[in-house]
Each structure stands twice: as C-alpha cells, then as structure tokens.
Amino acid sequence: MKDVVTKEGVNEAAIRSAGRRKEIVKVRRLFCQLAVKKMGYSGAQVARYLGITTSSANRLAASLEMEEVAKYF
C-alpha cells in the first residue's frame, strides 16, 4: 500500500474509505489488481483491508488490467 500511495500521490486514508471519486477508485482498482492477481491475496482479505465488500474487491481485481500494474512488477 505504501508504494502505491507514494507513486500515485493519493492519501492512504482516502483509498481505505468509501469515497467514489474517479482518482480514488482508479488507485483502489490498481491496488486490488496488484494484491489479488500479482501477490496472491484473496479478495476477502483485500476487501477487509480496504473496508469494502468482497464483491467489490473481486470485481476491481478482475477488471481489465491497468497499464500501471507494470510499474510495480
């Protein structure tokens, strides 16, 4: 999470809140894709960490992979 918020320039509290601003959702989606697809965490674990539903975390992780994922791997 620290790398993502630093590189993307967003506050960690904003990502872990229920905010739906476009830039917040983009970073949340990036985090879900990194955590679930690349690091092997379950959608439920990521959802609990972010304070969102499991369905939301899985949906964000399964969406079209973002180009920004390559910056982290």
Protein backbone atom coordinates (compact mmCIF):
# COMPACT_ATOMS: atom_id res chain seq x y z
CA MET A 1 0.00 0.00 0.00
CA LYS A 2 2.82 2.41 0.86
CA ASP A 3 4.35 2.08 -2.63
CA VAL A 4 1.01 2.59 -4.34
CA VAL A 5 0.04 5.72 -2.41
CA THR A 6 3.52 7.19 -2.81
CA LYS A 7 3.77 6.59 -6.55
CA GLU A 8 0.16 7.54 -7.27
CA GLY A 9 0.12 10.58 -4.98
CA VAL A 10 -3.05 9.67 -3.09
CA ASN A 11 -3.71 9.57 0.63
CA GLU A 12 -3.99 6.03 2.06
CA ALA A 13 -6.99 7.02 4.17
CA ALA A 14 -8.83 8.06 1.01
CA ILE A 15 -8.26 4.66 -0.61
CA ARG A 16 -9.45 2.85 2.51
CA SER A 17 -12.58 5.00 2.75
CA ALA A 18 -15.85 4.61 0.87
CA GLY A 19 -15.06 7.51 -1.45
CA ARG A 20 -16.06 7.14 -5.07
CA ARG A 21 -14.11 9.92 -6.73
CA LYS A 22 -12.63 8.83 -10.03
CA GLU A 23 -8.98 9.12 -8.98
CA ILE A 24 -9.60 7.25 -5.71
CA VAL A 25 -11.41 4.39 -7.47
CA LYS A 26 -8.57 4.17 -10.00
CA VAL A 27 -5.95 3.71 -7.29
CA ARG A 28 -8.20 1.30 -5.37
CA ARG A 29 -8.59 -0.74 -8.58
CA LEU A 30 -4.82 -0.75 -9.08
CA PHE A 31 -4.28 -1.91 -5.50
CA CYS A 32 -6.85 -4.71 -5.86
CA GLN A 33 -5.24 -5.93 -9.08
CA LEU A 34 -1.79 -5.93 -7.51
CA ALA A 35 -2.88 -7.61 -4.29
CA VAL A 36 -5.16 -10.28 -5.78
CA LYS A 37 -3.65 -11.06 -9.18
CA LYS A 38 0.04 -10.47 -8.59
CA MET A 39 0.57 -11.06 -4.87
CA GLY A 40 -1.96 -13.85 -4.32
CA TYR A 41 -4.13 -12.35 -1.60
CA SER A 42 -7.77 -13.36 -1.56
CA GLY A 43 -10.45 -10.88 -2.48
CA ALA A 44 -11.84 -11.18 1.04
CA GLN A 45 -8.51 -10.25 2.63
CA VAL A 46 -8.12 -7.24 0.36
CA ALA A 47 -11.73 -6.20 0.98
CA ARG A 48 -11.28 -6.31 4.76
CA TYR A 49 -8.10 -4.24 4.49
CA LEU A 50 -9.74 -1.61 2.30
CA GLY A 51 -13.08 -1.58 4.10
CA ILE A 52 -15.10 -2.54 1.02
CA THR A 53 -17.18 -5.60 0.16
CA THR A 54 -15.58 -8.79 -1.11
CA SER A 55 -17.63 -8.48 -4.26
CA SER A 56 -16.22 -5.01 -4.94
CA ALA A 57 -12.64 -6.12 -4.36
CA ASN A 58 -13.04 -9.12 -6.67
CA ARG A 59 -14.77 -7.04 -9.33
CA LEU A 60 -11.99 -4.44 -9.26
CA ALA A 61 -9.31 -7.12 -9.42
CA ALA A 62 -10.99 -8.93 -12.31
CA SER A 63 -11.49 -5.82 -14.42
CA LEU A 64 -9.27 -5.09 -17.41
CA GLU A 65 -5.68 -4.95 -16.15
CA MET A 66 -4.33 -1.45 -15.82
CA GLU A 67 -1.08 -0.42 -17.52
CA GLU A 68 0.14 0.98 -14.18
CA VAL A 69 0.48 -2.57 -12.81
CA ALA A 70 3.71 -2.89 -14.80
CA LYS A 71 5.29 -0.10 -12.66
CA TYR A 72 5.12 -2.36 -9.62
CA PHE A 73 6.31 -5.65 -11.16
